[in-house]
Amino acid sequence: MQDSPGKNHNLSLTILQNIGTGYFDIYSNVLHCVAGGTQANGMNAYAQASGAVINIYNNTYVEDAGGCNNVLGLDSTGTYNVTNNIVFTSDNVTMLTGDGTIVRSKNLWYGSAAPSCNGTTDICGQNPLF
């Protein structure tokens, strides 16, 4: 994990790149996108093999104004199971983006650019009161 505001390279907090097939778990983390890291994502996943299954669960993502571009950038093939996470943003940053298969359940999304919660068990727009 990396958090180096002010540098001109990728400042993403978590990067998954070319990990191939298999099952991978990302869980029980607190990730904080601080101001100055605007060339970054909270989590950036790309170029996974189509057989990759990435389980993202029990994490807390907090984005300060002027922090990450995207909180969860899941831009690759494979399956992403996004479960029981808290995502809090303080400005209009994209919380969830990507073209992989994204399965969501029991997440809390708070901020002006929260994804739609229609058809999921997610909660949108409820302040976690940090």
C-alpha atoms as a PDB file:
ATOM      1  CA  MET A   1       0.000   0.000   0.000  1.00  0.00           C
ATOM      2  CA  GLN A   2       1.186   3.430  -0.834  1.00  0.00           C
ATOM      3  CA  ASP A   3       0.224   6.954   0.165  1.00  0.00           C
ATOM      4  CA  SER A   4       2.686   9.596  -1.003  1.00  0.00           C
ATOM      5  CA  PRO A   5       0.838  12.851  -1.733  1.00  0.00           C
ATOM      6  CA  GLY A   6       2.705  15.340  -3.911  1.00  0.00           C
ATOM      7  CA  LYS A   7       4.579  12.924  -6.189  1.00  0.00           C
ATOM      8  CA  ASN A   8       3.953  12.747  -9.939  1.00  0.00           C
ATOM      9  CA  HIS A   9       3.444   8.984 -10.226  1.00  0.00           C
ATOM     10  CA  ASN A  10       0.546   6.715  -9.331  1.00  0.00           C
ATOM     11  CA  LEU A  11      -0.388   7.384  -5.717  1.00  0.00           C
ATOM     12  CA  SER A  12      -3.022   4.673  -5.401  1.00  0.00           C
ATOM     13  CA  LEU A  13      -3.291   3.171  -1.945  1.00  0.00           C
ATOM     14  CA  THR A  14      -3.791  -0.399  -3.164  1.00  0.00           C
ATOM     15  CA  ILE A  15      -2.760  -1.614  -6.614  1.00  0.00           C
ATOM     16  CA  LEU A  16      -3.616  -5.022  -8.068  1.00  0.00           C
ATOM     17  CA  GLN A  17      -1.992  -5.543 -11.438  1.00  0.00           C
ATOM     18  CA  ASN A  18      -1.637  -8.683 -13.577  1.00  0.00           C
ATOM     19  CA  ILE A  19      -2.305 -11.051 -10.689  1.00  0.00           C
ATOM     20  CA  GLY A  20      -3.574 -13.895 -12.868  1.00  0.00           C
ATOM     21  CA  THR A  21      -6.251 -16.412 -11.969  1.00  0.00           C
ATOM     22  CA  GLY A  22      -7.219 -17.579  -8.491  1.00  0.00           C
ATOM     23  CA  TYR A  23      -8.915 -16.198  -5.389  1.00  0.00           C
ATOM     24  CA  PHE A  24      -7.642 -13.103  -3.600  1.00  0.00           C
ATOM     25  CA  ASP A  25      -8.913 -11.467  -0.409  1.00  0.00           C
ATOM     26  CA  ILE A  26      -8.572  -7.817   0.587  1.00  0.00           C
ATOM     27  CA  TYR A  27     -10.103  -7.394   4.017  1.00  0.00           C
ATOM     28  CA  SER A  28     -10.101  -5.535   7.340  1.00  0.00           C
ATOM     29  CA  ASN A  29      -8.203  -2.444   6.146  1.00  0.00           C
ATOM     30  CA  VAL A  30      -8.652   1.248   6.819  1.00  0.00           C
ATOM     31  CA  LEU A  31      -7.594   3.212   3.726  1.00  0.00           C
ATOM     32  CA  HIS A  32      -7.421   7.000   3.874  1.00  0.00           C
ATOM     33  CA  CYS A  33      -7.070   9.086   0.685  1.00  0.00           C
ATOM     34  CA  VAL A  34      -5.607  12.359   1.893  1.00  0.00           C
ATOM     35  CA  ALA A  35      -5.650  15.711   0.105  1.00  0.00           C
ATOM     36  CA  GLY A  36      -2.890  16.011  -2.489  1.00  0.00           C
ATOM     37  CA  GLY A  37      -3.180  12.484  -3.883  1.00  0.00           C
ATOM     38  CA  THR A  38      -5.314  13.428  -6.884  1.00  0.00           C
ATOM     39  CA  GLN A  39      -3.431  11.142  -9.282  1.00  0.00           C
ATOM     40  CA  ALA A  40      -4.591   8.141  -7.305  1.00  0.00           C
ATOM     41  CA  ASN A  41      -7.312   5.653  -6.568  1.00  0.00           C
ATOM     42  CA  GLY A  42      -8.110   4.238  -3.174  1.00  0.00           C
ATOM     43  CA  MET A  43      -7.875   0.831  -4.818  1.00  0.00           C
ATOM     44  CA  ASN A  44      -6.830   0.341  -8.429  1.00  0.00           C
ATOM     45  CA  ALA A  45      -7.251  -3.075 -10.041  1.00  0.00           C
ATOM     46  CA  TYR A  46      -6.465  -3.674 -13.689  1.00  0.00           C
ATOM     47  CA  ALA A  47      -5.195  -6.312 -16.123  1.00  0.00           C
ATOM     48  CA  GLN A  48      -6.414  -9.280 -14.066  1.00  0.00           C
ATOM     49  CA  ALA A  49      -7.019 -12.621 -15.780  1.00  0.00           C
ATOM     50  CA  SER A  50     -10.663 -13.415 -16.514  1.00  0.00           C
ATOM     51  CA  GLY A  51     -10.557 -16.235 -13.940  1.00  0.00           C
ATOM     52  CA  ALA A  52      -9.538 -13.982 -11.039  1.00  0.00           C
ATOM     53  CA  VAL A  53     -11.967 -13.664  -8.119  1.00  0.00           C
ATOM     54  CA  ILE A  54     -11.171 -10.753  -5.815  1.00  0.00           C
ATOM     55  CA  ASN A  55     -13.058 -10.535  -2.523  1.00  0.00           C
ATOM     56  CA  ILE A  56     -13.063  -7.029  -1.032  1.00  0.00           C
ATOM     57  CA  TYR A  57     -14.705  -7.108   2.389  1.00  0.00           C
ATOM     58  CA  ASN A  58     -14.782  -5.512   5.862  1.00  0.00           C
ATOM     59  CA  ASN A  59     -12.781  -2.446   4.749  1.00  0.00           C
ATOM     60  CA  THR A  60     -13.221   1.248   5.493  1.00  0.00           C
ATOM     61  CA  TYR A  61     -12.356   3.751   2.752  1.00  0.00           C
ATOM     62  CA  VAL A  62     -12.231   7.457   3.686  1.00  0.00           C
ATOM     63  CA  GLU A  63     -11.538  10.120   1.063  1.00  0.00           C
ATOM     64  CA  ASP A  64     -10.698  13.692   2.092  1.00  0.00           C
ATOM     65  CA  ALA A  65     -11.605  16.535  -0.271  1.00  0.00           C
ATOM     66  CA  GLY A  66      -8.873  16.670  -2.921  1.00  0.00           C
ATOM     67  CA  GLY A  67      -7.799  13.070  -2.312  1.00  0.00           C
ATOM     68  CA  CYS A  68      -8.387  10.105  -4.640  1.00  0.00           C
ATOM     69  CA  ASN A  69      -9.824  10.241  -8.179  1.00  0.00           C
ATOM     70  CA  ASN A  70     -11.799   7.053  -7.570  1.00  0.00           C
ATOM     71  CA  VAL A  71     -12.226   5.151  -4.343  1.00  0.00           C
ATOM     72  CA  LEU A  72     -12.616   1.723  -5.988  1.00  0.00           C
ATOM     73  CA  GLY A  73     -11.356   1.545  -9.572  1.00  0.00           C
ATOM     74  CA  LEU A  74     -12.030  -2.051 -10.645  1.00  0.00           C
ATOM     75  CA  ASP A  75     -11.034  -1.801 -14.299  1.00  0.00           C
ATOM     76  CA  SER A  76     -10.391  -5.279 -15.613  1.00  0.00           C
ATOM     77  CA  THR A  77     -11.939  -8.628 -16.261  1.00  0.00           C
ATOM     78  CA  GLY A  78     -12.548 -11.015 -13.412  1.00  0.00           C
ATOM     79  CA  THR A  79     -15.087 -10.953 -10.598  1.00  0.00           C
ATOM     80  CA  TYR A  80     -15.083  -8.507  -7.694  1.00  0.00           C
ATOM     81  CA  ASN A  81     -17.151  -9.408  -4.628  1.00  0.00           C
ATOM     82  CA  VAL A  82     -17.528  -6.132  -2.712  1.00  0.00           C
ATOM     83  CA  THR A  83     -19.118  -6.899   0.660  1.00  0.00           C
ATOM     84  CA  ASN A  84     -19.549  -5.207   4.047  1.00  0.00           C
ATOM     85  CA  ASN A  85     -17.399  -2.134   3.365  1.00  0.00           C
ATOM     86  CA  ILE A  86     -17.834   1.481   4.429  1.00  0.00           C
ATOM     87  CA  VAL A  87     -17.016   4.095   1.777  1.00  0.00           C
ATOM     88  CA  PHE A  88     -17.052   7.762   2.843  1.00  0.00           C
ATOM     89  CA  THR A  89     -16.137  10.705   0.629  1.00  0.00           C
ATOM     90  CA  SER A  90     -16.152  14.410   1.425  1.00  0.00           C
ATOM     91  CA  ASP A  91     -16.286  15.683  -2.165  1.00  0.00           C
ATOM     92  CA  ASN A  92     -17.653  14.632  -5.551  1.00  0.00           C
ATOM     93  CA  VAL A  93     -15.181  11.809  -6.232  1.00  0.00           C
ATOM     94  CA  THR A  94     -16.275   8.611  -8.023  1.00  0.00           C
ATOM     95  CA  MET A  95     -16.734   5.893  -5.430  1.00  0.00           C
ATOM     96  CA  LEU A  96     -17.020   2.853  -7.691  1.00  0.00           C
ATOM     97  CA  THR A  97     -16.013   2.402 -11.307  1.00  0.00           C
ATOM     98  CA  GLY A  98     -14.956  -0.484 -13.497  1.00  0.00           C
ATOM     99  CA  ASP A  99     -15.794  -2.923 -16.236  1.00  0.00           C
ATOM    100  CA  GLY A 100     -15.262  -6.195 -14.371  1.00  0.00           C
ATOM    101  CA  THR A 101     -18.116  -8.196 -12.892  1.00  0.00           C
ATOM    102  CA  ILE A 102     -18.916  -6.396  -9.633  1.00  0.00           C
ATOM    103  CA  VAL A 103     -21.144  -8.144  -7.091  1.00  0.00           C
ATOM    104  CA  ARG A 104     -22.121  -5.866  -4.181  1.00  0.00           C
ATOM    105  CA  SER A 105     -23.806  -6.560  -0.861  1.00  0.00           C
ATOM    106  CA  LYS A 106     -24.102  -4.947   2.582  1.00  0.00           C
ATOM    107  CA  ASN A 107     -21.870  -1.934   1.857  1.00  0.00           C
ATOM    108  CA  LEU A 108     -22.444   1.574   3.172  1.00  0.00           C
ATOM    109  CA  TRP A 109     -21.802   4.378   0.651  1.00  0.00           C
ATOM    110  CA  TYR A 110     -21.772   8.011   1.785  1.00  0.00           C
ATOM    111  CA  GLY A 111     -20.975  11.009  -0.379  1.00  0.00           C
ATOM    112  CA  SER A 112     -22.381  12.951  -3.296  1.00  0.00           C
ATOM    113  CA  ALA A 113     -21.223  10.431  -5.943  1.00  0.00           C
ATOM    114  CA  ALA A 114     -22.440   7.231  -4.285  1.00  0.00           C
ATOM    115  CA  PRO A 115     -23.375   4.452  -6.724  1.00  0.00           C
ATOM    116  CA  SER A 116     -27.015   3.472  -7.007  1.00  0.00           C
ATOM    117  CA  CYS A 117     -28.140   1.023  -4.360  1.00  0.00           C
ATOM    118  CA  ASN A 118     -31.111  -0.209  -6.411  1.00  0.00           C
ATOM    119  CA  GLY A 119     -31.136  -3.993  -6.629  1.00  0.00           C
ATOM    120  CA  THR A 120     -28.508  -4.465  -3.906  1.00  0.00           C
ATOM    121  CA  THR A 121     -28.481  -4.905  -0.136  1.00  0.00           C
ATOM    122  CA  ASP A 122     -26.205  -1.853   0.095  1.00  0.00           C
ATOM    123  CA  ILE A 123     -27.075   1.312   2.030  1.00  0.00           C
ATOM    124  CA  CYS A 124     -26.597   4.640   0.264  1.00  0.00           C
ATOM    125  CA  GLY A 125     -26.565   8.115   1.762  1.00  0.00           C
ATOM    126  CA  GLN A 126     -26.389   7.196   5.449  1.00  0.00           C
ATOM    127  CA  ASN A 127     -23.595   9.051   7.233  1.00  0.00           C
ATOM    128  CA  PRO A 128     -21.365   6.641   9.230  1.00  0.00           C
ATOM    129  CA  LEU A 129     -20.687   9.554  11.647  1.00  0.00           C
ATOM    130  CA  PHE A 130     -16.907   9.217  11.813  1.00  0.00           C
END
